[in-house]
Protein backbone atom coordinates (compact mmCIF):
# COMPACT_ATOMS: atom_id res chain seq x y z
CA UNK A 1 -0.10 0.19 0.26
CA UNK A 2 1.34 3.56 -0.82
CA UNK A 3 0.26 6.78 0.48
CA UNK A 4 0.42 9.82 -1.63
CA UNK A 5 -0.04 13.63 0.27
CA UNK A 6 -0.41 16.23 -1.92
CA UNK A 7 1.92 19.05 -1.15
CA UNK A 8 -1.09 21.70 -1.02
CA UNK A 9 -4.96 21.80 -0.58
CA UNK A 10 -6.44 21.71 -4.02
CA UNK A 11 -9.76 20.74 -3.12
CA UNK A 12 -11.19 17.24 -3.16
CA UNK A 13 -12.21 16.89 -7.05
CA UNK A 14 -8.96 18.53 -8.16
CA UNK A 15 -7.21 16.21 -5.60
CA UNK A 16 -8.53 13.16 -6.85
CA UNK A 17 -7.59 14.31 -10.42
CA UNK A 18 -4.07 15.18 -9.77
CA UNK A 19 -3.58 11.68 -7.56
CA UNK A 20 -5.17 9.45 -10.28
CA UNK A 21 -2.50 10.93 -12.59
CA UNK A 22 0.51 10.12 -9.91
CA UNK A 23 2.73 7.05 -11.41
CA UNK A 24 1.81 4.95 -8.13
CA UNK A 25 -1.95 5.74 -8.76
CA UNK A 26 -1.84 4.92 -12.78
CA UNK A 27 0.03 1.39 -11.86
CA UNK A 28 -2.25 0.23 -8.88
CA UNK A 29 -5.47 -1.95 -9.42
CA UNK A 30 -7.24 -0.11 -6.82
CA UNK A 31 -6.82 3.62 -5.38
CA UNK A 32 -8.70 4.76 -2.18
CA UNK A 33 -9.16 8.53 -1.75
CA UNK A 34 -9.33 9.64 1.97
CA UNK A 35 -9.61 13.44 3.41
CA UNK A 36 -7.45 14.32 5.82
CA UNK A 37 -10.07 15.06 8.55
CA UNK A 38 -11.70 11.04 8.19
CA UNK A 39 -12.11 8.54 10.64
CA UNK A 40 -11.83 5.05 10.06
CA UNK A 41 -12.53 1.75 11.62
CA UNK A 42 -9.20 -0.20 12.31
CA UNK A 43 -10.24 -2.70 9.90
CA UNK A 44 -11.44 -0.59 6.97
CA UNK A 45 -9.20 -1.93 4.37
CA UNK A 46 -9.81 -5.78 4.98
CA UNK A 47 -13.72 -4.67 4.78
CA UNK A 48 -12.89 -3.17 1.41
CA UNK A 49 -11.09 -6.23 0.40
CA UNK A 50 -13.65 -8.58 1.35
CA UNK A 51 -16.33 -6.42 -0.41
CA UNK A 52 -14.01 -6.52 -3.55
CA UNK A 53 -13.73 -10.35 -3.32
CA UNK A 54 -17.55 -10.75 -2.62
CA UNK A 55 -18.65 -8.47 -5.65
CA UNK A 56 -15.73 -8.75 -8.09
CA UNK A 57 -18.07 -7.79 -11.00
CA UNK A 58 -18.48 -4.15 -9.33
CA UNK A 59 -16.77 -1.30 -10.90
CA UNK A 60 -16.56 0.55 -7.66
CA UNK A 61 -16.96 0.04 -3.97
CA UNK A 62 -17.95 2.52 -1.03
CA UNK A 63 -19.00 2.69 2.26
CA UNK A 64 -21.52 4.57 4.33
CA UNK A 65 -20.41 8.11 5.52
CA UNK A 66 -21.36 9.23 8.81
CA UNK A 67 -21.43 12.71 10.14
CA UNK A 68 -18.64 12.99 13.11
CA UNK A 69 -20.24 15.13 15.37
CA UNK A 70 -24.20 13.65 14.52
CA UNK A 71 -23.33 9.95 13.90
CA UNK A 72 -27.18 9.48 12.96
CA UNK A 73 -26.93 11.85 9.66
CA UNK A 74 -25.54 10.14 6.65
CA UNK A 75 -23.29 12.36 4.22
CA UNK A 76 -23.87 12.43 0.55
CA UNK A 77 -27.12 9.94 0.17
CA UNK A 78 -28.11 12.20 -2.50
CA UNK A 79 -25.54 10.63 -5.01
CA UNK A 80 -26.37 7.31 -6.57
CA UNK A 81 -24.96 5.55 -9.35
CA UNK A 82 -27.64 4.75 -11.91
CA UNK A 83 -27.94 1.17 -13.64
CA UNK A 84 -27.51 1.61 -17.52
CA UNK A 85 -30.84 0.74 -19.29
CA UNK A 86 -30.84 -2.00 -21.49
């Protein structure tokens, strides 16, 4: 596993585009983007690995994101991947 930190804060979208073009990212089978203020469970990477094994046909894997100060609030639940028709 390789960790890449950007030298400046360019915003989430620009950072992901930047990191996608880094040699380590281009050579990897998988990439995980975590913001600097995220808190994850100690076993988060093995849980993602289990999801990849369980659903190898998927093109993207994700997780439920909760608000830190109000854990009953989920973040970004208004975004959905739409299945292609046909």
